[in-house]
Amino acid sequence: MSSLTHFDTQGQAHMVDVAAKPATHRIAVAEGRIAMQAATLAIVQGGTAKKGDVLGIARIAGIMAAKKTSDLIPLCHPLALTRVAVDFELLPDTSAVRCQATVETMGPTGVEMEALTAVQVALLTIYDMCKAVDKHMVMEGVRVLEKHGGKSGSFVA
């Protein structure tokens, strides 16, 4: 395993210098899910939540979160994102909603953190909008599925 890049030679946290890195097309895909009671999933699917369109609002929240990642994660670089897509899949067999975020940029550093942040905030939004009827929801399995671009090349889970 290589050394951690967010620490300098004295062990102090620092923002990685990416000035000399070439700008390349970067893509990251992340996923996660939120498990809930079957009745809660029916509310989400039917669009009958009192707060409105759960998945539509969660999609916007995920996109906004990807754009604000550097404000939330201290050592992340602010990036000019060229694409953020947040998609949902209803999983009735497990009473869950799967969220997948795809984030792209043309730049010197990757977008894994932006994809992960989009997924987590989208799931948190679903929780927030449904907590009045289901306090037992569980967010789980948030992870990077794949990333492409840059010196380290591609990663597929």
Protein backbone atom coordinates (compact mmCIF):
# COMPACT_ATOMS: atom_id res chain seq x y z
CA MET A 1 0.00 0.00 0.00
CA SER A 2 1.31 3.46 -0.88
CA SER A 3 1.70 6.19 1.71
CA LEU A 4 -1.22 8.45 2.55
CA THR A 5 -1.15 11.53 0.33
CA HIS A 6 -2.89 13.95 2.69
CA PHE A 7 0.06 14.10 5.11
CA ASP A 8 3.35 15.90 4.56
CA THR A 9 6.77 14.53 5.53
CA GLN A 10 6.27 15.80 9.11
CA GLY A 11 2.92 14.00 9.40
CA GLN A 12 0.84 17.17 9.18
CA ALA A 13 -2.39 17.23 7.19
CA HIS A 14 -2.20 19.17 3.93
CA MET A 15 -4.08 19.60 0.69
CA VAL A 16 -2.36 17.60 -2.06
CA ASP A 17 -0.68 19.78 -4.69
CA VAL A 18 -2.21 18.83 -8.05
CA ALA A 19 -0.77 21.76 -10.03
CA ALA A 20 1.63 19.58 -12.04
CA LYS A 21 -0.93 16.88 -12.81
CA PRO A 22 -2.46 16.94 -16.27
CA ALA A 23 -6.18 17.54 -16.65
CA THR A 24 -7.82 14.31 -17.79
CA HIS A 25 -11.41 13.14 -18.08
CA ARG A 26 -12.33 11.76 -14.64
CA ILE A 27 -15.39 9.64 -13.88
CA ALA A 28 -16.52 8.05 -10.62
CA VAL A 29 -19.58 5.95 -9.89
CA ALA A 30 -20.75 5.30 -6.32
CA GLU A 31 -23.73 3.51 -4.84
CA GLY A 32 -25.56 2.98 -1.58
CA ARG A 33 -28.96 1.90 -0.36
CA ILE A 34 -31.50 2.69 2.28
CA ALA A 35 -33.56 -0.14 3.72
CA MET A 36 -37.02 0.65 5.06
CA GLN A 37 -40.34 -0.89 5.94
CA ALA A 38 -42.41 -2.13 3.00
CA ALA A 39 -45.10 0.45 3.77
CA THR A 40 -42.51 3.23 3.59
CA LEU A 41 -41.28 2.00 0.23
CA ALA A 42 -44.90 2.02 -0.99
CA ILE A 43 -45.17 5.69 0.03
CA VAL A 44 -41.95 6.52 -1.82
CA GLN A 45 -43.06 4.59 -4.89
CA GLY A 46 -46.56 6.05 -4.88
CA GLY A 47 -45.38 9.61 -4.45
CA THR A 48 -47.68 10.11 -1.47
CA ALA A 49 -45.17 11.37 1.10
CA LYS A 50 -46.43 14.48 2.91
CA LYS A 51 -43.19 16.34 2.13
CA GLY A 52 -43.49 15.72 -1.63
CA ASP A 53 -41.65 13.76 -4.32
CA VAL A 54 -39.08 11.90 -2.21
CA LEU A 55 -36.85 10.66 -5.03
CA GLY A 56 -37.04 13.89 -7.03
CA ILE A 57 -35.96 15.95 -4.05
CA ALA A 58 -33.28 13.39 -3.09
CA ARG A 59 -31.91 13.57 -6.65
CA ILE A 60 -31.55 17.35 -6.46
CA ALA A 61 -29.98 17.06 -2.99
CA GLY A 62 -27.42 14.56 -4.29
CA ILE A 63 -26.50 16.78 -7.22
CA MET A 64 -26.15 19.81 -4.95
CA ALA A 65 -24.04 17.82 -2.49
CA ALA A 66 -21.61 16.70 -5.20
CA LYS A 67 -21.06 20.35 -6.09
CA LYS A 68 -20.40 21.23 -2.42
CA THR A 69 -18.09 18.34 -1.52
CA SER A 70 -15.02 20.55 -1.00
CA ASP A 71 -17.05 22.57 1.53
CA LEU A 72 -17.79 19.41 3.53
CA ILE A 73 -14.58 17.36 3.28
CA PRO A 74 -11.66 19.49 4.52
CA LEU A 75 -8.90 18.41 2.12
CA CYS A 76 -10.94 17.98 -1.07
CA HIS A 77 -10.18 20.27 -3.98
CA PRO A 78 -13.03 22.38 -5.35
CA LEU A 79 -13.76 20.98 -8.80
CA ALA A 80 -15.61 22.19 -11.86
CA LEU A 81 -17.93 19.23 -12.36
CA THR A 82 -19.08 18.58 -15.91
CA ARG A 83 -21.77 16.03 -15.06
CA VAL A 84 -23.62 14.74 -12.01
CA ALA A 85 -26.30 12.08 -12.41
CA VAL A 86 -28.17 10.59 -9.46
CA ASP A 87 -30.41 7.60 -10.16
CA PHE A 88 -32.60 5.42 -7.98
CA GLU A 89 -33.80 1.84 -8.17
CA LEU A 90 -36.67 0.60 -6.02
CA LEU A 91 -35.92 -2.84 -4.56
CA PRO A 92 -39.27 -4.25 -3.39
CA ASP A 93 -37.82 -7.68 -2.51
CA THR A 94 -35.67 -6.07 0.20
CA SER A 95 -37.80 -2.96 0.88
CA ALA A 96 -34.95 -0.68 -0.11
CA VAL A 97 -34.00 2.09 -2.47
CA ARG A 98 -30.65 1.87 -4.25
CA CYS A 99 -28.95 5.13 -5.19
CA GLN A 100 -26.21 5.42 -7.80
CA ALA A 101 -24.31 8.62 -8.57
CA THR A 102 -22.08 9.25 -11.56
CA VAL A 103 -19.82 12.29 -11.45
CA GLU A 104 -17.49 13.59 -14.16
CA THR A 105 -14.96 16.37 -14.58
CA MET A 106 -12.03 17.35 -16.74
CA GLY A 107 -9.31 18.03 -14.24
CA PRO A 108 -6.17 17.05 -12.31
CA THR A 109 -7.86 15.04 -9.55
CA GLY A 110 -10.59 12.43 -9.25
CA VAL A 111 -14.25 12.72 -8.36
CA GLU A 112 -14.74 9.73 -6.06
CA MET A 113 -15.49 11.92 -3.06
CA GLU A 114 -18.09 13.86 -5.02
CA ALA A 115 -19.85 10.64 -6.10
CA LEU A 116 -19.81 9.27 -2.54
CA THR A 117 -21.11 12.56 -1.14
CA ALA A 118 -23.92 12.66 -3.71
CA VAL A 119 -25.04 9.15 -2.73
CA GLN A 120 -24.87 9.75 1.01
CA VAL A 121 -26.75 13.05 0.91
CA ALA A 122 -29.40 11.60 -1.41
CA LEU A 123 -29.93 8.76 1.08
CA LEU A 124 -30.01 11.19 4.00
CA THR A 125 -32.67 13.17 2.16
CA ILE A 126 -34.79 10.06 1.73
CA TYR A 127 -34.38 9.41 5.46
CA ASP A 128 -35.36 12.98 6.31
CA MET A 129 -38.45 12.91 4.13
CA CYS A 130 -39.65 9.52 5.44
CA LYS A 131 -38.62 9.58 9.11
CA ALA A 132 -42.08 10.61 10.25
CA VAL A 133 -43.41 7.18 9.20
CA ASP A 134 -40.28 5.01 9.60
CA LYS A 135 -37.51 5.64 12.11
CA HIS A 136 -35.94 2.21 11.47
CA MET A 137 -34.45 3.01 8.06
CA VAL A 138 -30.82 1.98 7.60
CA MET A 139 -28.35 3.43 5.13
CA GLU A 140 -25.77 0.89 4.04
CA GLY A 141 -23.29 -0.21 1.43
CA VAL A 142 -22.07 3.23 0.37
CA ARG A 143 -19.04 2.58 -1.82
CA VAL A 144 -17.19 3.45 -4.99
CA LEU A 145 -18.18 1.09 -7.79
CA GLU A 146 -15.72 2.40 -10.35
CA LYS A 147 -13.46 5.28 -11.23
CA HIS A 148 -11.65 6.15 -14.44
CA GLY A 149 -9.00 8.65 -15.45
CA GLY A 150 -5.78 9.93 -14.02
CA LYS A 151 -2.41 8.38 -13.33
CA SER A 152 -3.78 5.38 -11.43
CA GLY A 153 -6.10 4.46 -14.30
CA SER A 154 -9.33 2.58 -13.81
CA PHE A 155 -10.77 0.82 -10.77
CA VAL A 156 -13.83 -1.39 -10.89
CA ALA A 157 -15.12 -2.95 -7.66
